[in-house]
């Protein structure tokens, strides 16, 4: 019997909790919210009433960086505003338009701990 799976959350390790929280709240509009008592400090970042990003503070990031998650993707509005915010921070980004029949803009940039973030926008957002 097939499972009815859906994305639930992403976990990000960081050695700079303050910078990571600010990055996702200021740039992408996440909101810090309730988090269970855990042995390591961290923050859960919400979109609406759903905790999407679980951020865990570590003293040093593992070397080599572990995991095979290539990137996390979100759908968004306000592409021009986000590009302007990335430019204002001096951040590198890559913006591509996918071909038919799935035309959309894909904006890629790196988070503070090296995680790749993608935000997708409707093709008419050009």
PDB file of N, CA and C in Angstrom:
ATOM      1  N   UNK A   1       0.848  -1.173   0.000  1.00  0.00           N
ATOM      2  CA  UNK A   1       0.000   0.000   0.000  1.00  0.00           C
ATOM      3  C   UNK A   1       0.895   1.239   0.000  1.00  0.00           C
ATOM      4  N   UNK A   2       0.687   2.189  -0.922  1.00  0.00           N
ATOM      5  CA  UNK A   2       1.529   3.385  -0.958  1.00  0.00           C
ATOM      6  C   UNK A   2       1.275   4.288   0.253  1.00  0.00           C
ATOM      7  N   UNK A   3       2.328   4.924   0.677  1.00  0.00           N
ATOM      8  CA  UNK A   3       2.220   5.876   1.783  1.00  0.00           C
ATOM      9  C   UNK A   3       1.769   7.223   1.251  1.00  0.00           C
ATOM     10  N   UNK A   4       1.016   7.934   2.038  1.00  0.00           N
ATOM     11  CA  UNK A   4       0.622   9.296   1.690  1.00  0.00           C
ATOM     12  C   UNK A   4       1.620  10.237   2.353  1.00  0.00           C
ATOM     13  N   UNK A   5       2.766  10.451   1.701  1.00  0.00           N
ATOM     14  CA  UNK A   5       3.836  11.262   2.278  1.00  0.00           C
ATOM     15  C   UNK A   5       3.728  12.705   1.830  1.00  0.00           C
ATOM     16  N   UNK A   6       4.194  13.609   2.689  1.00  0.00           N
ATOM     17  CA  UNK A   6       4.268  15.032   2.364  1.00  0.00           C
ATOM     18  C   UNK A   6       5.463  15.608   3.100  1.00  0.00           C
ATOM     19  N   UNK A   7       6.058  16.654   2.572  1.00  0.00           N
ATOM     20  CA  UNK A   7       7.167  17.283   3.306  1.00  0.00           C
ATOM     21  C   UNK A   7       6.687  17.762   4.673  1.00  0.00           C
ATOM     22  N   UNK A   8       7.551  17.633   5.671  1.00  0.00           N
ATOM     23  CA  UNK A   8       7.197  18.061   7.021  1.00  0.00           C
ATOM     24  C   UNK A   8       8.086  19.200   7.493  1.00  0.00           C
ATOM     25  N   UNK A   9       9.401  18.964   7.541  1.00  0.00           N
ATOM     26  CA  UNK A   9      10.304  20.018   7.974  1.00  0.00           C
ATOM     27  C   UNK A   9      11.716  19.704   7.495  1.00  0.00           C
ATOM     28  N   UNK A  10      12.586  20.703   7.594  1.00  0.00           N
ATOM     29  CA  UNK A  10      14.009  20.567   7.333  1.00  0.00           C
ATOM     30  C   UNK A  10      14.735  20.897   8.620  1.00  0.00           C
ATOM     31  N   UNK A  11      15.857  20.235   8.861  1.00  0.00           N
ATOM     32  CA  UNK A  11      16.694  20.549  10.016  1.00  0.00           C
ATOM     33  C   UNK A  11      18.020  21.099   9.513  1.00  0.00           C
ATOM     34  N   UNK A  12      18.415  22.223  10.065  1.00  0.00           N
ATOM     35  CA  UNK A  12      19.660  22.888   9.696  1.00  0.00           C
ATOM     36  C   UNK A  12      20.549  22.941  10.932  1.00  0.00           C
ATOM     37  N   UNK A  13      21.801  22.526  10.774  1.00  0.00           N
ATOM     38  CA  UNK A  13      22.789  22.714  11.828  1.00  0.00           C
ATOM     39  C   UNK A  13      23.491  24.042  11.584  1.00  0.00           C
ATOM     40  N   UNK A  14      23.772  24.765  12.653  1.00  0.00           N
ATOM     41  CA  UNK A  14      24.469  26.035  12.522  1.00  0.00           C
ATOM     42  C   UNK A  14      25.416  26.241  13.693  1.00  0.00           C
ATOM     43  N   UNK A  15      26.500  26.952  13.430  1.00  0.00           N
ATOM     44  CA  UNK A  15      27.374  27.359  14.533  1.00  0.00           C
ATOM     45  C   UNK A  15      27.128  28.817  14.906  1.00  0.00           C
ATOM     46  N   UNK A  16      26.140  29.455  14.255  1.00  0.00           N
ATOM     47  CA  UNK A  16      25.767  30.834  14.564  1.00  0.00           C
ATOM     48  C   UNK A  16      24.240  30.941  14.533  1.00  0.00           C
ATOM     49  N   UNK A  17      23.634  30.630  15.666  1.00  0.00           N
ATOM     50  CA  UNK A  17      22.179  30.591  15.765  1.00  0.00           C
ATOM     51  C   UNK A  17      21.555  31.955  15.487  1.00  0.00           C
ATOM     52  N   UNK A  18      22.149  33.015  16.000  1.00  0.00           N
ATOM     53  CA  UNK A  18      21.601  34.359  15.818  1.00  0.00           C
ATOM     54  C   UNK A  18      21.568  34.739  14.339  1.00  0.00           C
ATOM     55  N   UNK A  19      22.669  34.517  13.631  1.00  0.00           N
ATOM     56  CA  UNK A  19      22.737  34.864  12.213  1.00  0.00           C
ATOM     57  C   UNK A  19      21.772  34.018  11.389  1.00  0.00           C
ATOM     58  N   UNK A  20      21.658  32.735  11.724  1.00  0.00           N
ATOM     59  CA  UNK A  20      20.766  31.856  10.972  1.00  0.00           C
ATOM     60  C   UNK A  20      19.313  32.247  11.182  1.00  0.00           C
ATOM     61  N   UNK A  21      18.933  32.515  12.426  1.00  0.00           N
ATOM     62  CA  UNK A  21      17.557  32.941  12.692  1.00  0.00           C
ATOM     63  C   UNK A  21      17.248  34.254  11.976  1.00  0.00           C
ATOM     64  N   UNK A  22      18.159  35.203  12.049  1.00  0.00           N
ATOM     65  CA  UNK A  22      17.941  36.495  11.380  1.00  0.00           C
ATOM     66  C   UNK A  22      17.833  36.327   9.867  1.00  0.00           C
ATOM     67  N   UNK A  23      18.670  35.470   9.291  1.00  0.00           N
ATOM     68  CA  UNK A  23      18.650  35.226   7.852  1.00  0.00           C
ATOM     69  C   UNK A  23      17.264  34.761   7.408  1.00  0.00           C
ATOM     70  N   UNK A  24      16.727  33.768   8.067  1.00  0.00           N
ATOM     71  CA  UNK A  24      15.442  33.197   7.646  1.00  0.00           C
ATOM     72  C   UNK A  24      14.253  34.066   8.042  1.00  0.00           C
ATOM     73  N   UNK A  25      14.346  34.819   9.115  1.00  0.00           N
ATOM     74  CA  UNK A  25      13.225  35.686   9.489  1.00  0.00           C
ATOM     75  C   UNK A  25      13.242  36.966   8.669  1.00  0.00           C
ATOM     76  N   UNK A  26      14.396  37.620   8.554  1.00  0.00           N
ATOM     77  CA  UNK A  26      14.481  38.901   7.849  1.00  0.00           C
ATOM     78  C   UNK A  26      14.337  38.749   6.340  1.00  0.00           C
ATOM     79  N   UNK A  27      14.966  37.727   5.781  1.00  0.00           N
ATOM     80  CA  UNK A  27      15.000  37.581   4.326  1.00  0.00           C
ATOM     81  C   UNK A  27      13.796  36.828   3.780  1.00  0.00           C
ATOM     82  N   UNK A  28      13.366  35.773   4.473  1.00  0.00           N
ATOM     83  CA  UNK A  28      12.310  34.920   3.925  1.00  0.00           C
ATOM     84  C   UNK A  28      10.998  34.963   4.699  1.00  0.00           C
ATOM     85  N   UNK A  29      10.947  35.704   5.793  1.00  0.00           N
ATOM     86  CA  UNK A  29       9.675  35.901   6.480  1.00  0.00           C
ATOM     87  C   UNK A  29       9.241  34.799   7.431  1.00  0.00           C
ATOM     88  N   UNK A  30      10.144  33.913   7.821  1.00  0.00           N
ATOM     89  CA  UNK A  30       9.794  32.914   8.827  1.00  0.00           C
ATOM     90  C   UNK A  30       9.594  33.602  10.172  1.00  0.00           C
ATOM     91  N   UNK A  31       8.865  32.939  11.074  1.00  0.00           N
ATOM     92  CA  UNK A  31       8.610  33.469  12.407  1.00  0.00           C
ATOM     93  C   UNK A  31       9.054  32.446  13.444  1.00  0.00           C
ATOM     94  N   UNK A  32       9.868  32.841  14.425  1.00  0.00           N
ATOM     95  CA  UNK A  32      10.228  31.900  15.489  1.00  0.00           C
ATOM     96  C   UNK A  32       8.986  31.496  16.273  1.00  0.00           C
ATOM     97  N   UNK A  33       8.947  30.244  16.707  1.00  0.00           N
ATOM     98  CA  UNK A  33       7.787  29.773  17.453  1.00  0.00           C
ATOM     99  C   UNK A  33       8.157  28.724  18.470  1.00  0.00           C
ATOM    100  N   UNK A  34       7.144  28.112  19.071  1.00  0.00           N
ATOM    101  CA  UNK A  34       7.374  27.131  20.125  1.00  0.00           C
ATOM    102  C   UNK A  34       8.270  25.988  19.662  1.00  0.00           C
ATOM    103  N   UNK A  35       9.100  25.540  20.600  1.00  0.00           N
ATOM    104  CA  UNK A  35      10.037  24.439  20.342  1.00  0.00           C
ATOM    105  C   UNK A  35      10.120  23.609  21.605  1.00  0.00           C
ATOM    106  N   UNK A  36      10.121  22.279  21.478  1.00  0.00           N
ATOM    107  CA  UNK A  36      10.236  21.448  22.680  1.00  0.00           C
ATOM    108  C   UNK A  36      11.566  21.664  23.394  1.00  0.00           C
ATOM    109  N   UNK A  37      11.599  21.341  24.678  1.00  0.00           N
ATOM    110  CA  UNK A  37      12.846  21.377  25.438  1.00  0.00           C
ATOM    111  C   UNK A  37      13.761  20.307  24.863  1.00  0.00           C
ATOM    112  N   UNK A  38      14.915  20.706  24.390  1.00  0.00           N
ATOM    113  CA  UNK A  38      15.864  19.760  23.808  1.00  0.00           C
ATOM    114  C   UNK A  38      17.225  19.967  24.453  1.00  0.00           C
ATOM    115  N   UNK A  39      18.115  18.998  24.253  1.00  0.00           N
ATOM    116  CA  UNK A  39      19.425  19.071  24.896  1.00  0.00           C
ATOM    117  C   UNK A  39      20.328  20.120  24.259  1.00  0.00           C
ATOM    118  N   UNK A  40      20.082  20.495  23.038  1.00  0.00           N
ATOM    119  CA  UNK A  40      20.885  21.520  22.358  1.00  0.00           C
ATOM    120  C   UNK A  40      20.035  22.755  22.109  1.00  0.00           C
ATOM    121  N   UNK A  41      20.663  23.937  22.141  1.00  0.00           N
ATOM    122  CA  UNK A  41      19.911  25.150  21.822  1.00  0.00           C
ATOM    123  C   UNK A  41      19.501  25.148  20.355  1.00  0.00           C
ATOM    124  N   UNK A  42      18.488  25.903  20.056  1.00  0.00           N
ATOM    125  CA  UNK A  42      18.023  26.003  18.684  1.00  0.00           C
ATOM    126  C   UNK A  42      16.770  26.848  18.601  1.00  0.00           C
ATOM    127  N   UNK A  43      16.175  26.837  17.435  1.00  0.00           N
ATOM    128  CA  UNK A  43      14.940  27.576  17.202  1.00  0.00           C
ATOM    129  C   UNK A  43      14.138  26.831  16.146  1.00  0.00           C
ATOM    130  N   UNK A  44      12.831  26.864  16.285  1.00  0.00           N
ATOM    131  CA  UNK A  44      11.957  26.368  15.232  1.00  0.00           C
ATOM    132  C   UNK A  44      11.378  27.586  14.532  1.00  0.00           C
ATOM    133  N   UNK A  45      11.467  27.586  13.215  1.00  0.00           N
ATOM    134  CA  UNK A  45      10.983  28.706  12.406  1.00  0.00           C
ATOM    135  C   UNK A  45       9.745  28.270  11.638  1.00  0.00           C
ATOM    136  N   UNK A  46       8.719  29.080  11.748  1.00  0.00           N
ATOM    137  CA  UNK A  46       7.394  28.743  11.254  1.00  0.00           C
ATOM    138  C   UNK A  46       7.020  29.546  10.017  1.00  0.00           C
ATOM    139  N   UNK A  47       6.181  28.926   9.180  1.00  0.00           N
ATOM    140  CA  UNK A  47       5.397  29.597   8.150  1.00  0.00           C
ATOM    141  C   UNK A  47       3.956  29.335   8.552  1.00  0.00           C
ATOM    142  N   UNK A  48       3.267  30.382   8.941  1.00  0.00           N
ATOM    143  CA  UNK A  48       1.922  30.190   9.483  1.00  0.00           C
ATOM    144  C   UNK A  48       2.027  29.415  10.782  1.00  0.00           C
ATOM    145  N   UNK A  49       1.233  28.349  10.889  1.00  0.00           N
ATOM    146  CA  UNK A  49       1.241  27.569  12.130  1.00  0.00           C
ATOM    147  C   UNK A  49       2.096  26.302  12.022  1.00  0.00           C
ATOM    148  N   UNK A  50       2.926  26.209  10.984  1.00  0.00           N
ATOM    149  CA  UNK A  50       3.727  25.013  10.720  1.00  0.00           C
ATOM    150  C   UNK A  50       5.212  25.292  10.914  1.00  0.00           C
ATOM    151  N   UNK A  51       5.887  24.541  11.815  1.00  0.00           N
ATOM    152  CA  UNK A  51       7.339  24.702  11.954  1.00  0.00           C
ATOM    153  C   UNK A  51       8.052  24.008  10.791  1.00  0.00           C
ATOM    154  N   UNK A  52       8.582  24.792   9.870  1.00  0.00           N
ATOM    155  CA  UNK A  52       9.182  24.261   8.641  1.00  0.00           C
ATOM    156  C   UNK A  52      10.683  24.035   8.810  1.00  0.00           C
ATOM    157  N   UNK A  53      11.371  24.944   9.503  1.00  0.00           N
ATOM    158  CA  UNK A  53      12.815  24.820   9.694  1.00  0.00           C
ATOM    159  C   UNK A  53      13.130  24.592  11.165  1.00  0.00           C
ATOM    160  N   UNK A  54      13.796  23.486  11.443  1.00  0.00           N
ATOM    161  CA  UNK A  54      14.283  23.198  12.791  1.00  0.00           C
ATOM    162  C   UNK A  54      15.774  23.505  12.765  1.00  0.00           C
ATOM    163  N   UNK A  55      16.178  24.514  13.492  1.00  0.00           N
ATOM    164  CA  UNK A  55      17.576  24.946  13.501  1.00  0.00           C
ATOM    165  C   UNK A  55      18.208  24.499  14.816  1.00  0.00           C
ATOM    166  N   UNK A  56      19.332  23.790  14.714  1.00  0.00           N
ATOM    167  CA  UNK A  56      20.031  23.279  15.892  1.00  0.00           C
ATOM    168  C   UNK A  56      21.408  23.924  15.967  1.00  0.00           C
ATOM    169  N   UNK A  57      21.728  24.474  17.128  1.00  0.00           N
ATOM    170  CA  UNK A  57      23.029  25.111  17.365  1.00  0.00           C
ATOM    171  C   UNK A  57      24.047  24.046  17.751  1.00  0.00           C
ATOM    172  N   UNK A  58      25.168  24.057  17.045  1.00  0.00           N
ATOM    173  CA  UNK A  58      26.301  23.191  17.371  1.00  0.00           C
ATOM    174  C   UNK A  58      27.523  24.076  17.550  1.00  0.00           C
ATOM    175  N   UNK A  59      28.506  23.582  18.297  1.00  0.00           N
ATOM    176  CA  UNK A  59      29.718  24.382  18.507  1.00  0.00           C
ATOM    177  C   UNK A  59      30.502  24.544  17.211  1.00  0.00           C
ATOM    178  N   UNK A  60      30.640  23.463  16.478  1.00  0.00           N
ATOM    179  CA  UNK A  60      31.304  23.520  15.172  1.00  0.00           C
ATOM    180  C   UNK A  60      30.533  22.635  14.209  1.00  0.00           C
ATOM    181  N   UNK A  61      30.459  23.063  12.971  1.00  0.00           N
ATOM    182  CA  UNK A  61      29.785  22.265  11.957  1.00  0.00           C
ATOM    183  C   UNK A  61      30.634  21.047  11.630  1.00  0.00           C
ATOM    184  N   UNK A  62      29.994  19.911  11.361  1.00  0.00           N
ATOM    185  CA  UNK A  62      30.757  18.708  11.060  1.00  0.00           C
ATOM    186  C   UNK A  62      31.613  18.876   9.803  1.00  0.00           C
ATOM    187  N   UNK A  63      32.781  18.293   9.819  1.00  0.00           N
ATOM    188  CA  UNK A  63      33.662  18.262   8.648  1.00  0.00           C
ATOM    189  C   UNK A  63      33.990  16.818   8.343  1.00  0.00           C
ATOM    190  N   UNK A  64      33.813  16.322   7.172  1.00  0.00           N
ATOM    191  CA  UNK A  64      33.171  17.085   6.096  1.00  0.00           C
ATOM    192  C   UNK A  64      31.696  17.275   6.404  1.00  0.00           C
ATOM    193  N   UNK A  65      31.109  18.300   5.782  1.00  0.00           N
ATOM    194  CA  UNK A  65      29.680  18.549   5.983  1.00  0.00           C
ATOM    195  C   UNK A  65      28.914  17.301   5.600  1.00  0.00           C
ATOM    196  N   UNK A  66      27.974  16.915   6.441  1.00  0.00           N
ATOM    197  CA  UNK A  66      27.285  15.659   6.207  1.00  0.00           C
ATOM    198  C   UNK A  66      25.955  15.868   5.500  1.00  0.00           C
ATOM    199  N   UNK A  67      25.428  14.787   5.013  1.00  0.00           N
ATOM    200  CA  UNK A  67      24.115  14.817   4.408  1.00  0.00           C
ATOM    201  C   UNK A  67      24.166  14.887   2.904  1.00  0.00           C
ATOM    202  N   UNK A  68      23.050  14.551   2.297  1.00  0.00           N
ATOM    203  CA  UNK A  68      22.964  14.557   0.848  1.00  0.00           C
ATOM    204  C   UNK A  68      21.842  15.468   0.365  1.00  0.00           C
ATOM    205  N   UNK A  69      21.262  16.236   1.251  1.00  0.00           N
ATOM    206  CA  UNK A  69      20.239  17.188   0.849  1.00  0.00           C
ATOM    207  C   UNK A  69      20.894  18.233  -0.037  1.00  0.00           C
ATOM    208  N   UNK A  70      20.481  18.282  -1.288  1.00  0.00           N
ATOM    209  CA  UNK A  70      21.073  19.229  -2.217  1.00  0.00           C
ATOM    210  C   UNK A  70      20.582  20.647  -1.942  1.00  0.00           C
ATOM    211  N   UNK A  71      19.287  20.796  -1.727  1.00  0.00           N
ATOM    212  CA  UNK A  71      18.729  22.114  -1.431  1.00  0.00           C
ATOM    213  C   UNK A  71      17.319  21.951  -0.880  1.00  0.00           C
ATOM    214  N   UNK A  72      16.801  23.015  -0.287  1.00  0.00           N
ATOM    215  CA  UNK A  72      15.404  23.055   0.134  1.00  0.00           C
ATOM    216  C   UNK A  72      14.716  24.113  -0.701  1.00  0.00           C
ATOM    217  N   UNK A  73      13.500  23.824  -1.138  1.00  0.00           N
ATOM    218  CA  UNK A  73      12.800  24.736  -2.044  1.00  0.00           C
ATOM    219  C   UNK A  73      11.492  25.202  -1.422  1.00  0.00           C
ATOM    220  N   UNK A  74      11.197  26.459  -1.665  1.00  0.00           N
ATOM    221  CA  UNK A  74       9.963  27.077  -1.204  1.00  0.00           C
ATOM    222  C   UNK A  74       9.312  27.758  -2.396  1.00  0.00           C
ATOM    223  N   UNK A  75       8.017  27.915  -2.370  1.00  0.00           N
ATOM    224  CA  UNK A  75       7.300  28.700  -3.370  1.00  0.00           C
ATOM    225  C   UNK A  75       7.048  30.044  -2.743  1.00  0.00           C
ATOM    226  N   UNK A  76       7.218  31.115  -3.525  1.00  0.00           N
ATOM    227  CA  UNK A  76       7.070  32.443  -2.949  1.00  0.00           C
ATOM    228  C   UNK A  76       6.491  33.464  -3.904  1.00  0.00           C
ATOM    229  N   UNK A  77       6.274  34.628  -3.382  1.00  0.00           N
ATOM    230  CA  UNK A  77       5.866  35.825  -4.117  1.00  0.00           C
ATOM    231  C   UNK A  77       6.900  36.903  -3.798  1.00  0.00           C
ATOM    232  N   UNK A  78       6.969  37.938  -4.619  1.00  0.00           N
ATOM    233  CA  UNK A  78       7.870  39.051  -4.332  1.00  0.00           C
ATOM    234  C   UNK A  78       9.298  38.799  -4.765  1.00  0.00           C
ATOM    235  N   UNK A  79       9.472  38.227  -5.937  1.00  0.00           N
ATOM    236  CA  UNK A  79      10.819  37.896  -6.419  1.00  0.00           C
ATOM    237  C   UNK A  79      11.718  39.125  -6.478  1.00  0.00           C
ATOM    238  N   UNK A  80      11.212  40.224  -6.999  1.00  0.00           N
ATOM    239  CA  UNK A  80      12.050  41.428  -7.110  1.00  0.00           C
ATOM    240  C   UNK A  80      12.519  41.907  -5.749  1.00  0.00           C
ATOM    241  N   UNK A  81      11.658  41.847  -4.754  1.00  0.00           N
ATOM    242  CA  UNK A  81      12.040  42.266  -3.402  1.00  0.00           C
ATOM    243  C   UNK A  81      13.116  41.355  -2.821  1.00  0.00           C
ATOM    244  N   UNK A  82      12.981  40.043  -3.047  1.00  0.00           N
ATOM    245  CA  UNK A  82      13.972  39.116  -2.525  1.00  0.00           C
ATOM    246  C   UNK A  82      15.311  39.300  -3.226  1.00  0.00           C
ATOM    247  N   UNK A  83      15.308  39.478  -4.543  1.00  0.00           N
ATOM    248  CA  UNK A  83      16.557  39.727  -5.274  1.00  0.00           C
ATOM    249  C   UNK A  83      17.211  41.005  -4.757  1.00  0.00           C
ATOM    250  N   UNK A  84      16.422  42.046  -4.536  1.00  0.00           N
ATOM    251  CA  UNK A  84      16.962  43.299  -4.011  1.00  0.00           C
ATOM    252  C   UNK A  84      17.572  43.092  -2.621  1.00  0.00           C
ATOM    253  N   UNK A  85      16.923  42.294  -1.789  1.00  0.00           N
ATOM    254  CA  UNK A  85      17.448  42.029  -0.444  1.00  0.00           C
ATOM    255  C   UNK A  85      18.765  41.248  -0.511  1.00  0.00           C
ATOM    256  N   UNK A  86      18.842  40.297  -1.424  1.00  0.00           N
ATOM    257  CA  UNK A  86      20.091  39.546  -1.595  1.00  0.00           C
ATOM    258  C   UNK A  86      21.207  40.472  -2.065  1.00  0.00           C
ATOM    259  N   UNK A  87      20.913  41.339  -3.030  1.00  0.00           N
ATOM    260  CA  UNK A  87      21.908  42.294  -3.520  1.00  0.00           C
ATOM    261  C   UNK A  87      22.352  43.230  -2.400  1.00  0.00           C
ATOM    262  N   UNK A  88      21.408  43.709  -1.597  1.00  0.00           N
ATOM    263  CA  UNK A  88      21.736  44.626  -0.505  1.00  0.00           C
ATOM    264  C   UNK A  88      22.661  43.973   0.516  1.00  0.00           C
ATOM    265  N   UNK A  89      22.556  42.668   0.670  1.00  0.00           N
ATOM    266  CA  UNK A  89      23.423  41.931   1.598  1.00  0.00           C
ATOM    267  C   UNK A  89      24.728  41.507   0.940  1.00  0.00           C
ATOM    268  N   UNK A  90      24.874  41.800  -0.358  1.00  0.00           N
ATOM    269  CA  UNK A  90      26.076  41.397  -1.082  1.00  0.00           C
ATOM    270  C   UNK A  90      26.156  39.897  -1.297  1.00  0.00           C
ATOM    271  N   UNK A  91      25.013  39.242  -1.346  1.00  0.00           N
ATOM    272  CA  UNK A  91      24.979  37.787  -1.474  1.00  0.00           C
ATOM    273  C   UNK A  91      24.930  37.363  -2.929  1.00  0.00           C
ATOM    274  N   UNK A  92      25.643  36.304  -3.248  1.00  0.00           N
ATOM    275  CA  UNK A  92      25.571  35.707  -4.572  1.00  0.00           C
ATOM    276  C   UNK A  92      24.262  34.951  -4.706  1.00  0.00           C
ATOM    277  N   UNK A  93      23.720  34.925  -5.897  1.00  0.00           N
ATOM    278  CA  UNK A  93      22.513  34.161  -6.172  1.00  0.00           C
ATOM    279  C   UNK A  93      22.524  33.749  -7.634  1.00  0.00           C
ATOM    280  N   UNK A  94      21.660  32.799  -7.947  1.00  0.00           N
ATOM    281  CA  UNK A  94      21.501  32.341  -9.327  1.00  0.00           C
ATOM    282  C   UNK A  94      20.008  32.329  -9.613  1.00  0.00           C
ATOM    283  N   UNK A  95      19.612  32.976 -10.685  1.00  0.00           N
ATOM    284  CA  UNK A  95      18.208  33.061 -11.075  1.00  0.00           C
ATOM    285  C   UNK A  95      18.064  32.430 -12.452  1.00  0.00           C
ATOM    286  N   UNK A  96      17.236  31.403 -12.539  1.00  0.00           N
ATOM    287  CA  UNK A  96      17.015  30.747 -13.829  1.00  0.00           C
ATOM    288  C   UNK A  96      15.522  30.623 -14.093  1.00  0.00           C
ATOM    289  N   UNK A  97      15.168  30.570 -15.355  1.00  0.00           N
ATOM    290  CA  UNK A  97      13.778  30.351 -15.751  1.00  0.00           C
ATOM    291  C   UNK A  97      13.696  28.955 -16.361  1.00  0.00           C
ATOM    292  N   UNK A  98      12.834  28.125 -15.794  1.00  0.00           N
ATOM    293  CA  UNK A  98      12.706  26.762 -16.282  1.00  0.00           C
ATOM    294  C   UNK A  98      11.931  26.752 -17.597  1.00  0.00           C
ATOM    295  N   UNK A  99      12.185  25.754 -18.441  1.00  0.00           N
ATOM    296  CA  UNK A  99      11.505  25.688 -19.740  1.00  0.00           C
ATOM    297  C   UNK A  99      10.075  25.178 -19.621  1.00  0.00           C
ATOM    298  N   UNK A 100       9.337  25.296 -20.732  1.00  0.00           N
ATOM    299  CA  UNK A 100       7.982  24.742 -20.808  1.00  0.00           C
ATOM    300  C   UNK A 100       8.030  23.251 -20.523  1.00  0.00           C
ATOM    301  N   UNK A 101       7.038  22.649 -19.984  1.00  0.00           N
ATOM    302  CA  UNK A 101       5.755  23.255 -19.618  1.00  0.00           C
ATOM    303  C   UNK A 101       5.710  23.749 -18.180  1.00  0.00           C
ATOM    304  N   UNK A 102       6.836  23.697 -17.462  1.00  0.00           N
ATOM    305  CA  UNK A 102       6.845  24.096 -16.054  1.00  0.00           C
ATOM    306  C   UNK A 102       7.471  25.462 -15.868  1.00  0.00           C
ATOM    307  N   UNK A 103       7.131  26.402 -16.679  1.00  0.00           N
ATOM    308  CA  UNK A 103       7.787  27.703 -16.583  1.00  0.00           C
ATOM    309  C   UNK A 103       7.608  28.312 -15.205  1.00  0.00           C
ATOM    310  N   UNK A 104       8.738  28.602 -14.619  1.00  0.00           N
ATOM    311  CA  UNK A 104       8.782  29.309 -13.337  1.00  0.00           C
ATOM    312  C   UNK A 104      10.191  29.872 -13.169  1.00  0.00           C
ATOM    313  N   UNK A 105      10.310  30.850 -12.306  1.00  0.00           N
ATOM    314  CA  UNK A 105      11.619  31.367 -11.932  1.00  0.00           C
ATOM    315  C   UNK A 105      12.110  30.579 -10.728  1.00  0.00           C
ATOM    316  N   UNK A 106      13.392  30.238 -10.733  1.00  0.00           N
ATOM    317  CA  UNK A 106      14.018  29.582  -9.601  1.00  0.00           C
ATOM    318  C   UNK A 106      15.188  30.443  -9.148  1.00  0.00           C
ATOM    319  N   UNK A 107      15.135  30.864  -7.883  1.00  0.00           N
ATOM    320  CA  UNK A 107      16.168  31.708  -7.298  1.00  0.00           C
ATOM    321  C   UNK A 107      16.924  30.872  -6.268  1.00  0.00           C
ATOM    322  N   UNK A 108      18.231  30.689  -6.481  1.00  0.00           N
ATOM    323  CA  UNK A 108      19.074  29.889  -5.594  1.00  0.00           C
ATOM    324  C   UNK A 108      20.066  30.787  -4.874  1.00  0.00           C
ATOM    325  N   UNK A 109      20.261  30.532  -3.574  1.00  0.00           N
ATOM    326  CA  UNK A 109      21.271  31.242  -2.800  1.00  0.00           C
ATOM    327  C   UNK A 109      21.636  30.392  -1.592  1.00  0.00           C
ATOM    328  N   UNK A 110      22.758  30.717  -0.980  1.00  0.00           N
ATOM    329  CA  UNK A 110      23.271  29.924   0.126  1.00  0.00           C
ATOM    330  C   UNK A 110      22.903  30.554   1.459  1.00  0.00           C
ATOM    331  N   UNK A 111      22.494  29.706   2.412  1.00  0.00           N
ATOM    332  CA  UNK A 111      22.214  30.157   3.762  1.00  0.00           C
ATOM    333  C   UNK A 111      23.490  30.289   4.570  1.00  0.00           C
ATOM    334  N   UNK A 112      23.389  30.789   5.796  1.00  0.00           N
ATOM    335  CA  UNK A 112      24.574  31.094   6.584  1.00  0.00           C
ATOM    336  C   UNK A 112      25.423  29.895   6.983  1.00  0.00           C
ATOM    337  N   UNK A 113      24.875  28.688   6.939  1.00  0.00           N
ATOM    338  CA  UNK A 113      25.653  27.506   7.314  1.00  0.00           C
ATOM    339  C   UNK A 113      26.015  26.653   6.101  1.00  0.00           C
ATOM    340  N   UNK A 114      25.842  27.203   4.908  1.00  0.00           N
ATOM    341  CA  UNK A 114      26.200  26.493   3.692  1.00  0.00           C
ATOM    342  C   UNK A 114      25.053  25.752   3.043  1.00  0.00           C
ATOM    343  N   UNK A 115      23.861  25.826   3.607  1.00  0.00           N
ATOM    344  CA  UNK A 115      22.710  25.149   3.031  1.00  0.00           C
ATOM    345  C   UNK A 115      22.222  25.910   1.794  1.00  0.00           C
ATOM    346  N   UNK A 116      21.811  25.172   0.757  1.00  0.00           N
ATOM    347  CA  UNK A 116      21.321  25.807  -0.459  1.00  0.00           C
ATOM    348  C   UNK A 116      19.815  26.003  -0.335  1.00  0.00           C
ATOM    349  N   UNK A 117      19.354  27.222  -0.646  1.00  0.00           N
ATOM    350  CA  UNK A 117      17.943  27.583  -0.570  1.00  0.00           C
ATOM    351  C   UNK A 117      17.473  27.923  -1.984  1.00  0.00           C
ATOM    352  N   UNK A 118      16.310  27.416  -2.344  1.00  0.00           N
ATOM    353  CA  UNK A 118      15.667  27.740  -3.618  1.00  0.00           C
ATOM    354  C   UNK A 118      14.310  28.335  -3.312  1.00  0.00           C
ATOM    355  N   UNK A 119      13.968  29.427  -3.979  1.00  0.00           N
ATOM    356  CA  UNK A 119      12.624  29.976  -3.898  1.00  0.00           C
ATOM    357  C   UNK A 119      12.097  30.054  -5.315  1.00  0.00           C
ATOM    358  N   UNK A 120      10.944  29.429  -5.550  1.00  0.00           N
ATOM    359  CA  UNK A 120      10.328  29.379  -6.875  1.00  0.00           C
ATOM    360  C   UNK A 120       9.208  30.406  -6.963  1.00  0.00           C
ATOM    361  N   UNK A 121       9.129  31.034  -8.140  1.00  0.00           N
ATOM    362  CA  UNK A 121       8.136  32.076  -8.398  1.00  0.00           C
ATOM    363  C   UNK A 121       7.425  31.771  -9.709  1.00  0.00           C
ATOM    364  N   UNK A 122       6.164  32.195  -9.829  1.00  0.00           N
ATOM    365  CA  UNK A 122       5.451  32.047 -11.095  1.00  0.00           C
ATOM    366  C   UNK A 122       6.226  32.724 -12.214  1.00  0.00           C
ATOM    367  N   UNK A 123       6.164  32.158 -13.406  1.00  0.00           N
ATOM    368  CA  UNK A 123       6.900  32.694 -14.558  1.00  0.00           C
ATOM    369  C   UNK A 123       6.489  34.122 -14.880  1.00  0.00           C
ATOM    370  N   UNK A 124       5.253  34.485 -14.594  1.00  0.00           N
ATOM    371  CA  UNK A 124       4.795  35.845 -14.904  1.00  0.00           C
ATOM    372  C   UNK A 124       5.399  36.889 -13.966  1.00  0.00           C
ATOM    373  N   UNK A 125       6.217  36.436 -12.994  1.00  0.00           N
ATOM    374  CA  UNK A 125       6.851  37.367 -12.058  1.00  0.00           C
ATOM    375  C   UNK A 125       8.047  38.082 -12.671  1.00  0.00           C
ATOM    376  N   UNK A 126       8.247  37.933 -14.005  1.00  0.00           N
ATOM    377  CA  UNK A 126       9.389  38.605 -14.609  1.00  0.00           C
ATOM    378  C   UNK A 126       8.981  39.988 -14.978  1.00  0.00           C
TER     379      UNK A 126
END
